[in-house]
Amino acid sequence: MTQMSFLLDHKYCIGCQTCVTACQMRHRTPDDVQLRKATSFEQQMKGPWITTACNHCEDPACVSVCPTGATIKREDGIVVHDPEVCIGCQSCIKACPYEHPVYLEEESRIIRCDMCAARLDAGDVPACVEACPVKVLTVDTLENNEAAGGVAEAPGFTVEATKPTTRFIPIK
């Protein structure tokens, strides 16, 4: 099975938040809802920056707790959510150690990063990757991202038992 993953060379991330905005536009989320977050892990927001979204974990807790099968892991490792099947119980939110899925109370629905699966299926890249002006955020298979030097651990990012697939180029 292929496992898709994000790769971030965060030593060159400038913290512009363009990836965040592109994701918000793609998913039509309210201004205060972010499926991709960009934060500085040093004091006073001087950087380096880290940007994360759903980690499309190898063992996603959100999938195993979903009582209706609304959240599934595709053959390519991308975790997707079907709002038509979702009952809004929020079990996925409670199970995710990264606090990723988001419940929109005013709309009574869950939203989540799906790695822009439809765009990938069409041969394009996720909106966040396309928008990155310095091209430090990419998407590829986990195998290729690790071969490119990507590692699971990074300052400001904790590896949990769900085995997140986001990879980072280490800062030396």
N, C-alpha and C. Protein backbone atom coordinates (compact mmCIF):
# COMPACT_ATOMS: atom_id res chain seq x y z
N MET A 1 0.83 -1.19 0.00
CA MET A 1 0.00 0.00 0.00
C MET A 1 0.88 1.25 0.00
N THR A 2 0.53 2.18 -0.82
CA THR A 2 1.21 3.47 -0.86
C THR A 2 0.71 4.33 0.30
N GLN A 3 1.58 5.13 0.86
CA GLN A 3 1.18 6.06 1.92
C GLN A 3 1.64 7.45 1.50
N MET A 4 0.70 8.31 1.18
CA MET A 4 1.02 9.69 0.84
C MET A 4 1.35 10.46 2.11
N SER A 5 2.20 11.49 1.97
CA SER A 5 2.56 12.29 3.14
C SER A 5 3.03 13.67 2.71
N PHE A 6 2.93 14.60 3.66
CA PHE A 6 3.46 15.94 3.46
C PHE A 6 4.92 15.95 3.89
N LEU A 7 5.73 16.80 3.24
CA LEU A 7 7.12 17.01 3.61
C LEU A 7 7.33 18.52 3.73
N LEU A 8 7.92 18.94 4.85
CA LEU A 8 8.18 20.35 5.09
C LEU A 8 9.65 20.57 5.37
N ASP A 9 10.27 21.43 4.59
CA ASP A 9 11.64 21.86 4.86
C ASP A 9 11.52 23.16 5.66
N HIS A 10 11.23 23.00 6.96
CA HIS A 10 10.82 24.14 7.76
C HIS A 10 11.92 25.14 8.08
N LYS A 11 13.17 24.80 7.82
CA LYS A 11 14.21 25.81 8.05
C LYS A 11 14.09 26.97 7.06
N TYR A 12 13.39 26.72 5.93
CA TYR A 12 13.20 27.78 4.94
C TYR A 12 11.78 28.34 4.92
N CYS A 13 10.91 27.83 5.77
CA CYS A 13 9.55 28.35 5.84
C CYS A 13 9.60 29.77 6.39
N ILE A 14 8.95 30.70 5.69
CA ILE A 14 9.01 32.11 6.09
C ILE A 14 7.82 32.54 6.95
N GLY A 15 6.91 31.61 7.24
CA GLY A 15 5.78 31.92 8.11
C GLY A 15 4.75 32.84 7.49
N CYS A 16 4.65 32.84 6.18
CA CYS A 16 3.74 33.77 5.50
C CYS A 16 2.27 33.38 5.63
N GLN A 17 2.00 32.14 5.99
CA GLN A 17 0.64 31.62 6.20
C GLN A 17 -0.15 31.48 4.90
N THR A 18 0.51 31.54 3.76
CA THR A 18 -0.19 31.38 2.49
C THR A 18 -0.80 29.98 2.38
N CYS A 19 -0.11 28.98 2.91
CA CYS A 19 -0.64 27.61 2.90
C CYS A 19 -1.94 27.53 3.70
N VAL A 20 -1.98 28.25 4.82
CA VAL A 20 -3.17 28.29 5.67
C VAL A 20 -4.34 28.91 4.92
N THR A 21 -4.09 30.04 4.29
CA THR A 21 -5.13 30.75 3.54
C THR A 21 -5.63 29.92 2.36
N ALA A 22 -4.72 29.28 1.65
CA ALA A 22 -5.12 28.44 0.51
C ALA A 22 -6.01 27.30 0.96
N CYS A 23 -5.71 26.71 2.08
CA CYS A 23 -6.52 25.63 2.63
C CYS A 23 -7.90 26.16 3.03
N GLN A 24 -7.92 27.32 3.67
CA GLN A 24 -9.21 27.91 4.06
C GLN A 24 -10.08 28.18 2.83
N MET A 25 -9.47 28.68 1.79
CA MET A 25 -10.22 28.97 0.57
C MET A 25 -10.72 27.69 -0.08
N ARG A 26 -9.88 26.68 -0.13
CA ARG A 26 -10.24 25.39 -0.75
C ARG A 26 -11.42 24.75 -0.03
N HIS A 27 -11.41 24.80 1.29
CA HIS A 27 -12.45 24.16 2.10
C HIS A 27 -13.57 25.12 2.49
N ARG A 28 -13.46 26.38 2.08
CA ARG A 28 -14.46 27.41 2.38
C ARG A 28 -14.78 27.46 3.88
N THR A 29 -13.73 27.57 4.67
CA THR A 29 -13.91 27.61 6.12
C THR A 29 -14.03 29.05 6.60
N PRO A 30 -14.67 29.24 7.74
CA PRO A 30 -14.71 30.58 8.34
C PRO A 30 -13.29 31.05 8.66
N ASP A 31 -13.11 32.35 8.77
CA ASP A 31 -11.78 32.92 9.01
C ASP A 31 -11.10 32.36 10.25
N ASP A 32 -11.88 32.02 11.27
CA ASP A 32 -11.29 31.54 12.52
C ASP A 32 -11.07 30.03 12.55
N VAL A 33 -11.31 29.34 11.44
CA VAL A 33 -11.12 27.89 11.37
C VAL A 33 -9.96 27.58 10.43
N GLN A 34 -8.98 26.87 10.97
CA GLN A 34 -7.81 26.51 10.18
C GLN A 34 -7.60 25.00 10.20
N LEU A 35 -7.62 24.40 9.02
CA LEU A 35 -7.30 22.98 8.91
C LEU A 35 -5.79 22.78 8.77
N ARG A 36 -5.11 23.78 8.28
CA ARG A 36 -3.64 23.81 8.25
C ARG A 36 -3.23 24.97 9.14
N LYS A 37 -2.26 24.72 10.00
CA LYS A 37 -1.80 25.76 10.91
C LYS A 37 -0.31 25.99 10.69
N ALA A 38 0.11 27.23 10.78
CA ALA A 38 1.52 27.59 10.69
C ALA A 38 1.88 28.37 11.95
N THR A 39 2.83 27.83 12.69
CA THR A 39 3.23 28.47 13.95
C THR A 39 4.74 28.48 14.08
N SER A 40 5.23 29.44 14.85
CA SER A 40 6.65 29.50 15.15
C SER A 40 6.86 28.70 16.43
N PHE A 41 7.94 27.93 16.48
CA PHE A 41 8.20 27.19 17.71
C PHE A 41 9.30 27.83 18.54
N GLU A 42 9.68 29.05 18.18
CA GLU A 42 10.58 29.83 19.02
C GLU A 42 9.83 31.05 19.54
N GLN A 43 10.31 31.63 20.59
CA GLN A 43 9.61 32.75 21.21
C GLN A 43 9.52 33.95 20.29
N GLN A 44 8.47 34.71 20.49
CA GLN A 44 8.21 35.97 19.80
C GLN A 44 8.05 35.81 18.29
N MET A 45 7.64 34.65 17.86
CA MET A 45 7.30 34.40 16.46
C MET A 45 8.41 34.80 15.49
N LYS A 46 9.66 34.54 15.85
CA LYS A 46 10.78 34.86 14.97
C LYS A 46 11.15 33.68 14.08
N GLY A 47 10.50 32.55 14.28
CA GLY A 47 10.82 31.37 13.48
C GLY A 47 11.82 30.51 14.20
N PRO A 48 12.19 29.37 13.70
CA PRO A 48 11.64 28.74 12.50
C PRO A 48 10.15 28.42 12.64
N TRP A 49 9.53 28.23 11.51
CA TRP A 49 8.11 27.97 11.44
C TRP A 49 7.85 26.50 11.18
N ILE A 50 6.68 26.05 11.61
CA ILE A 50 6.24 24.70 11.31
C ILE A 50 4.78 24.80 10.85
N THR A 51 4.46 24.14 9.78
CA THR A 51 3.09 24.13 9.28
C THR A 51 2.61 22.69 9.23
N THR A 52 1.45 22.47 9.82
CA THR A 52 0.89 21.11 9.87
C THR A 52 -0.60 21.15 9.58
N ALA A 53 -1.07 20.02 9.10
CA ALA A 53 -2.49 19.80 8.89
C ALA A 53 -2.74 18.36 9.36
N CYS A 54 -3.73 17.71 8.84
CA CYS A 54 -3.91 16.30 9.16
C CYS A 54 -2.63 15.57 8.77
N ASN A 55 -2.19 14.67 9.60
CA ASN A 55 -0.96 13.92 9.36
C ASN A 55 -1.20 12.63 8.58
N HIS A 56 -2.45 12.34 8.23
CA HIS A 56 -2.78 11.14 7.48
C HIS A 56 -1.99 9.96 8.03
N CYS A 57 -2.22 9.73 9.32
CA CYS A 57 -1.46 8.76 10.10
C CYS A 57 -1.53 7.35 9.51
N GLU A 58 -0.48 6.58 9.80
CA GLU A 58 -0.48 5.18 9.38
C GLU A 58 -1.55 4.39 10.13
N ASP A 59 -1.80 4.75 11.38
CA ASP A 59 -2.81 4.11 12.20
C ASP A 59 -3.74 5.18 12.77
N PRO A 60 -4.58 5.80 11.91
CA PRO A 60 -5.38 6.95 12.33
C PRO A 60 -6.47 6.59 13.35
N ALA A 61 -6.38 7.20 14.52
CA ALA A 61 -7.37 6.96 15.57
C ALA A 61 -8.76 7.42 15.15
N CYS A 62 -8.82 8.45 14.33
CA CYS A 62 -10.11 9.00 13.89
C CYS A 62 -10.91 7.98 13.08
N VAL A 63 -10.23 7.13 12.33
CA VAL A 63 -10.90 6.11 11.51
C VAL A 63 -11.49 5.01 12.39
N SER A 64 -10.70 4.54 13.34
CA SER A 64 -11.15 3.40 14.15
C SER A 64 -12.31 3.73 15.08
N VAL A 65 -12.50 5.00 15.44
CA VAL A 65 -13.58 5.36 16.36
C VAL A 65 -14.85 5.82 15.65
N CYS A 66 -14.81 6.01 14.36
CA CYS A 66 -15.98 6.52 13.64
C CYS A 66 -17.07 5.45 13.59
N PRO A 67 -18.22 5.70 14.22
CA PRO A 67 -19.26 4.67 14.29
C PRO A 67 -20.01 4.42 12.97
N THR A 68 -19.90 5.34 12.04
CA THR A 68 -20.67 5.19 10.79
C THR A 68 -19.80 4.90 9.57
N GLY A 69 -18.47 4.95 9.73
CA GLY A 69 -17.59 4.77 8.58
C GLY A 69 -17.47 6.03 7.74
N ALA A 70 -17.82 7.17 8.30
CA ALA A 70 -17.72 8.43 7.57
C ALA A 70 -16.27 8.82 7.33
N THR A 71 -15.39 8.42 8.23
CA THR A 71 -13.96 8.71 8.10
C THR A 71 -13.25 7.42 7.75
N ILE A 72 -12.58 7.43 6.60
CA ILE A 72 -11.89 6.22 6.13
C ILE A 72 -10.48 6.56 5.66
N LYS A 73 -9.66 5.53 5.56
CA LYS A 73 -8.32 5.68 5.02
C LYS A 73 -8.31 5.02 3.65
N ARG A 74 -7.98 5.80 2.64
CA ARG A 74 -7.94 5.28 1.27
C ARG A 74 -6.73 4.37 1.07
N GLU A 75 -6.70 3.69 -0.05
CA GLU A 75 -5.58 2.81 -0.39
C GLU A 75 -4.25 3.55 -0.47
N ASP A 76 -4.29 4.84 -0.79
CA ASP A 76 -3.06 5.63 -0.87
C ASP A 76 -2.69 6.27 0.47
N GLY A 77 -3.41 5.89 1.53
CA GLY A 77 -3.10 6.37 2.87
C GLY A 77 -3.73 7.69 3.26
N ILE A 78 -4.46 8.31 2.34
CA ILE A 78 -5.10 9.58 2.65
C ILE A 78 -6.37 9.32 3.46
N VAL A 79 -6.54 10.06 4.55
CA VAL A 79 -7.73 9.94 5.40
C VAL A 79 -8.75 10.95 4.89
N VAL A 80 -9.94 10.45 4.55
CA VAL A 80 -11.00 11.31 4.02
C VAL A 80 -12.27 11.16 4.86
N HIS A 81 -13.16 12.11 4.70
CA HIS A 81 -14.38 12.17 5.50
C HIS A 81 -15.58 12.40 4.58
N ASP A 82 -16.64 11.64 4.78
CA ASP A 82 -17.86 11.79 4.00
C ASP A 82 -18.92 12.46 4.86
N PRO A 83 -19.21 13.74 4.62
CA PRO A 83 -20.19 14.45 5.45
C PRO A 83 -21.60 13.89 5.33
N GLU A 84 -21.89 13.18 4.25
CA GLU A 84 -23.22 12.59 4.07
C GLU A 84 -23.46 11.42 5.02
N VAL A 85 -22.39 10.77 5.46
CA VAL A 85 -22.47 9.61 6.34
C VAL A 85 -22.25 10.01 7.81
N CYS A 86 -21.61 11.14 8.02
CA CYS A 86 -21.27 11.62 9.36
C CYS A 86 -22.52 12.00 10.15
N ILE A 87 -22.55 11.60 11.42
CA ILE A 87 -23.67 11.96 12.30
C ILE A 87 -23.29 13.09 13.27
N GLY A 88 -22.07 13.59 13.16
CA GLY A 88 -21.64 14.72 13.99
C GLY A 88 -21.34 14.37 15.43
N CYS A 89 -21.02 13.12 15.72
CA CYS A 89 -20.78 12.71 17.11
C CYS A 89 -19.47 13.25 17.68
N GLN A 90 -18.56 13.66 16.82
CA GLN A 90 -17.28 14.24 17.20
C GLN A 90 -16.29 13.25 17.81
N SER A 91 -16.55 11.96 17.64
CA SER A 91 -15.62 10.94 18.14
C SER A 91 -14.25 11.10 17.51
N CYS A 92 -14.21 11.46 16.24
CA CYS A 92 -12.93 11.62 15.53
C CYS A 92 -12.11 12.75 16.14
N ILE A 93 -12.77 13.81 16.53
CA ILE A 93 -12.07 14.94 17.13
C ILE A 93 -11.46 14.53 18.46
N LYS A 94 -12.22 13.83 19.27
CA LYS A 94 -11.75 13.38 20.59
C LYS A 94 -10.60 12.39 20.46
N ALA A 95 -10.60 11.56 19.41
CA ALA A 95 -9.59 10.53 19.25
C ALA A 95 -8.28 11.04 18.67
N CYS A 96 -8.31 12.12 17.92
CA CYS A 96 -7.12 12.61 17.23
C CYS A 96 -6.17 13.30 18.22
N PRO A 97 -4.94 12.79 18.37
CA PRO A 97 -4.00 13.43 19.29
C PRO A 97 -3.49 14.78 18.77
N TYR A 98 -3.77 15.09 17.52
CA TYR A 98 -3.33 16.35 16.93
C TYR A 98 -4.45 17.38 16.83
N GLU A 99 -5.61 17.06 17.40
CA GLU A 99 -6.76 17.96 17.41
C GLU A 99 -7.08 18.44 15.99
N HIS A 100 -7.03 17.48 15.05
CA HIS A 100 -7.19 17.90 13.67
C HIS A 100 -8.62 18.09 13.18
N PRO A 101 -9.47 17.07 13.18
CA PRO A 101 -10.80 17.35 12.63
C PRO A 101 -11.44 18.50 13.40
N VAL A 102 -12.26 19.27 12.72
CA VAL A 102 -12.89 20.45 13.32
C VAL A 102 -14.40 20.33 13.18
N TYR A 103 -15.10 20.64 14.26
CA TYR A 103 -16.56 20.65 14.24
C TYR A 103 -17.03 22.08 14.04
N LEU A 104 -17.80 22.30 12.99
CA LEU A 104 -18.40 23.60 12.74
C LEU A 104 -19.80 23.59 13.35
N GLU A 105 -19.91 24.14 14.53
CA GLU A 105 -21.16 24.09 15.29
C GLU A 105 -22.32 24.72 14.54
N GLU A 106 -22.08 25.89 13.93
CA GLU A 106 -23.17 26.57 13.23
C GLU A 106 -23.66 25.79 12.01
N GLU A 107 -22.84 24.87 11.50
CA GLU A 107 -23.24 24.05 10.36
C GLU A 107 -23.49 22.59 10.73
N SER A 108 -23.23 22.26 12.00
CA SER A 108 -23.37 20.89 12.52
C SER A 108 -22.66 19.87 11.64
N ARG A 109 -21.38 20.17 11.34
CA ARG A 109 -20.63 19.23 10.52
C ARG A 109 -19.14 19.24 10.87
N ILE A 110 -18.51 18.13 10.54
CA ILE A 110 -17.07 17.96 10.73
C ILE A 110 -16.38 18.32 9.42
N ILE A 111 -15.25 19.01 9.52
CA ILE A 111 -14.41 19.23 8.34
C ILE A 111 -13.00 18.79 8.70
N ARG A 112 -12.24 18.43 7.68
CA ARG A 112 -10.88 17.97 7.92
C ARG A 112 -10.06 18.10 6.66
N CYS A 113 -8.76 18.14 6.80
CA CYS A 113 -7.85 18.10 5.66
C CYS A 113 -7.98 16.73 5.01
N ASP A 114 -8.16 16.72 3.70
CA ASP A 114 -8.19 15.46 2.97
C ASP A 114 -7.04 15.40 1.97
N MET A 115 -5.99 16.21 2.24
CA MET A 115 -4.82 16.30 1.39
C MET A 115 -5.22 16.68 -0.04
N CYS A 116 -6.38 17.36 -0.13
CA CYS A 116 -6.93 17.72 -1.45
C CYS A 116 -6.94 16.49 -2.36
N ALA A 117 -7.53 15.41 -1.84
CA ALA A 117 -7.54 14.13 -2.55
C ALA A 117 -8.05 14.24 -3.98
N ALA A 118 -9.10 15.01 -4.20
CA ALA A 118 -9.64 15.16 -5.56
C ALA A 118 -8.62 15.81 -6.48
N ARG A 119 -7.88 16.78 -5.96
CA ARG A 119 -6.83 17.41 -6.76
C ARG A 119 -5.71 16.41 -7.07
N LEU A 120 -5.29 15.64 -6.06
CA LEU A 120 -4.26 14.62 -6.29
C LEU A 120 -4.73 13.59 -7.32
N ASP A 121 -5.99 13.17 -7.19
CA ASP A 121 -6.55 12.19 -8.13
C ASP A 121 -6.52 12.72 -9.56
N ALA A 122 -6.63 14.04 -9.71
CA ALA A 122 -6.63 14.68 -11.03
C ALA A 122 -5.21 15.02 -11.51
N GLY A 123 -4.19 14.63 -10.73
CA GLY A 123 -2.82 14.89 -11.12
C GLY A 123 -2.27 16.23 -10.67
N ASP A 124 -3.00 16.91 -9.81
CA ASP A 124 -2.58 18.21 -9.29
C ASP A 124 -2.00 18.02 -7.89
N VAL A 125 -1.63 19.10 -7.22
CA VAL A 125 -1.12 19.04 -5.86
C VAL A 125 -2.12 19.71 -4.92
N PRO A 126 -2.02 19.44 -3.62
CA PRO A 126 -2.91 20.10 -2.66
C PRO A 126 -2.78 21.63 -2.75
N ALA A 127 -3.87 22.31 -2.39
CA ALA A 127 -3.90 23.77 -2.45
C ALA A 127 -2.78 24.39 -1.62
N CYS A 128 -2.50 23.84 -0.44
CA CYS A 128 -1.46 24.39 0.42
C CYS A 128 -0.09 24.27 -0.22
N VAL A 129 0.16 23.16 -0.89
CA VAL A 129 1.45 22.94 -1.56
C VAL A 129 1.59 23.90 -2.74
N GLU A 130 0.54 24.02 -3.54
CA GLU A 130 0.56 24.91 -4.69
C GLU A 130 0.80 26.36 -4.28
N ALA A 131 0.24 26.76 -3.15
CA ALA A 131 0.30 28.16 -2.71
C ALA A 131 1.64 28.55 -2.08
N CYS A 132 2.42 27.61 -1.61
CA CYS A 132 3.66 27.94 -0.89
C CYS A 132 4.61 28.72 -1.81
N PRO A 133 4.88 29.99 -1.48
CA PRO A 133 5.70 30.80 -2.37
C PRO A 133 7.18 30.40 -2.40
N VAL A 134 7.66 29.73 -1.36
CA VAL A 134 9.06 29.32 -1.33
C VAL A 134 9.22 27.82 -1.57
N LYS A 135 8.12 27.15 -1.85
CA LYS A 135 8.10 25.73 -2.23
C LYS A 135 8.80 24.81 -1.23
N VAL A 136 8.56 25.07 0.06
CA VAL A 136 9.14 24.22 1.10
C VAL A 136 8.15 23.18 1.61
N LEU A 137 6.91 23.25 1.15
CA LEU A 137 5.89 22.27 1.50
C LEU A 137 5.58 21.47 0.24
N THR A 138 5.74 20.16 0.34
CA THR A 138 5.49 19.28 -0.81
C THR A 138 4.68 18.07 -0.35
N VAL A 139 4.23 17.29 -1.31
CA VAL A 139 3.52 16.06 -1.02
C VAL A 139 4.05 14.98 -1.95
N ASP A 140 4.25 13.79 -1.39
CA ASP A 140 4.75 12.64 -2.15
C ASP A 140 4.46 11.40 -1.31
N THR A 141 4.99 10.27 -1.73
CA THR A 141 4.81 9.07 -0.91
C THR A 141 5.70 9.20 0.33
N LEU A 142 5.32 8.52 1.37
CA LEU A 142 6.11 8.51 2.60
C LEU A 142 7.52 8.00 2.29
N GLU A 143 7.61 6.97 1.49
CA GLU A 143 8.91 6.39 1.12
C GLU A 143 9.81 7.44 0.44
N ASN A 144 9.25 8.17 -0.51
CA ASN A 144 10.03 9.20 -1.20
C ASN A 144 10.40 10.35 -0.27
N ASN A 145 9.47 10.73 0.61
CA ASN A 145 9.76 11.82 1.55
C ASN A 145 10.85 11.44 2.54
N GLU A 146 10.89 10.18 2.96
CA GLU A 146 11.96 9.73 3.84
C GLU A 146 13.28 9.62 3.07
N ALA A 147 13.23 9.18 1.81
CA ALA A 147 14.43 9.10 0.98
C ALA A 147 15.00 10.49 0.73
N ALA A 148 14.16 11.51 0.74
CA ALA A 148 14.60 12.90 0.56
C ALA A 148 15.17 13.49 1.84
N GLY A 149 15.23 12.69 2.91
CA GLY A 149 15.79 13.16 4.17
C GLY A 149 14.77 13.54 5.21
N GLY A 150 13.49 13.35 4.92
CA GLY A 150 12.45 13.69 5.87
C GLY A 150 12.42 12.76 7.07
N VAL A 151 12.23 13.33 8.25
CA VAL A 151 12.15 12.57 9.50
C VAL A 151 10.82 12.90 10.19
N ALA A 152 10.43 12.02 11.09
CA ALA A 152 9.13 12.16 11.76
C ALA A 152 9.13 13.22 12.84
N GLU A 153 10.26 13.48 13.46
CA GLU A 153 10.30 14.40 14.59
C GLU A 153 10.81 15.77 14.16
N ALA A 154 10.25 16.79 14.81
CA ALA A 154 10.69 18.17 14.56
C ALA A 154 10.38 18.99 15.80
N PRO A 155 11.14 20.06 16.03
CA PRO A 155 10.81 20.94 17.15
C PRO A 155 9.37 21.44 16.98
N GLY A 156 8.60 21.36 18.05
CA GLY A 156 7.22 21.81 17.99
C GLY A 156 6.25 20.76 17.48
N PHE A 157 6.75 19.54 17.21
CA PHE A 157 5.87 18.47 16.71
C PHE A 157 6.17 17.19 17.47
N THR A 158 5.14 16.61 18.06
CA THR A 158 5.28 15.39 18.85
C THR A 158 4.75 14.20 18.06
N VAL A 159 5.52 13.12 18.02
CA VAL A 159 5.10 11.91 17.34
C VAL A 159 4.26 11.08 18.32
N GLU A 160 3.05 10.76 17.91
CA GLU A 160 2.12 9.98 18.75
C GLU A 160 2.02 8.54 18.22
N ALA A 161 1.30 7.70 18.96
CA ALA A 161 1.15 6.28 18.62
C ALA A 161 0.41 6.05 17.30
N THR A 162 -0.26 7.07 16.79
CA THR A 162 -0.99 6.93 15.54
C THR A 162 -0.06 6.89 14.32
N LYS A 163 1.22 7.13 14.53
CA LYS A 163 2.23 7.13 13.48
C LYS A 163 1.95 8.16 12.38
N PRO A 164 2.07 9.43 12.72
CA PRO A 164 1.83 10.48 11.72
C PRO A 164 2.81 10.35 10.55
N THR A 165 2.36 10.67 9.36
CA THR A 165 3.22 10.53 8.18
C THR A 165 3.84 11.83 7.72
N THR A 166 3.49 12.95 8.31
CA THR A 166 4.14 14.21 7.96
C THR A 166 5.62 14.07 8.26
N ARG A 167 6.45 14.52 7.33
CA ARG A 167 7.90 14.45 7.51
C ARG A 167 8.50 15.85 7.40
N PHE A 168 9.64 16.03 8.07
CA PHE A 168 10.33 17.30 8.16
C PHE A 168 11.79 17.13 7.79
N ILE A 169 12.32 18.08 7.04
CA ILE A 169 13.77 18.10 6.79
C ILE A 169 14.39 18.71 8.04
N PRO A 170 15.30 17.99 8.70
CA PRO A 170 15.86 18.49 9.95
C PRO A 170 16.63 19.80 9.78
N ILE A 171 16.55 20.63 10.81
CA ILE A 171 17.33 21.87 10.86
C ILE A 171 18.67 21.49 11.46
N LYS A 172 19.74 21.84 10.77
CA LYS A 172 21.08 21.46 11.25
C LYS A 172 21.78 22.62 11.87
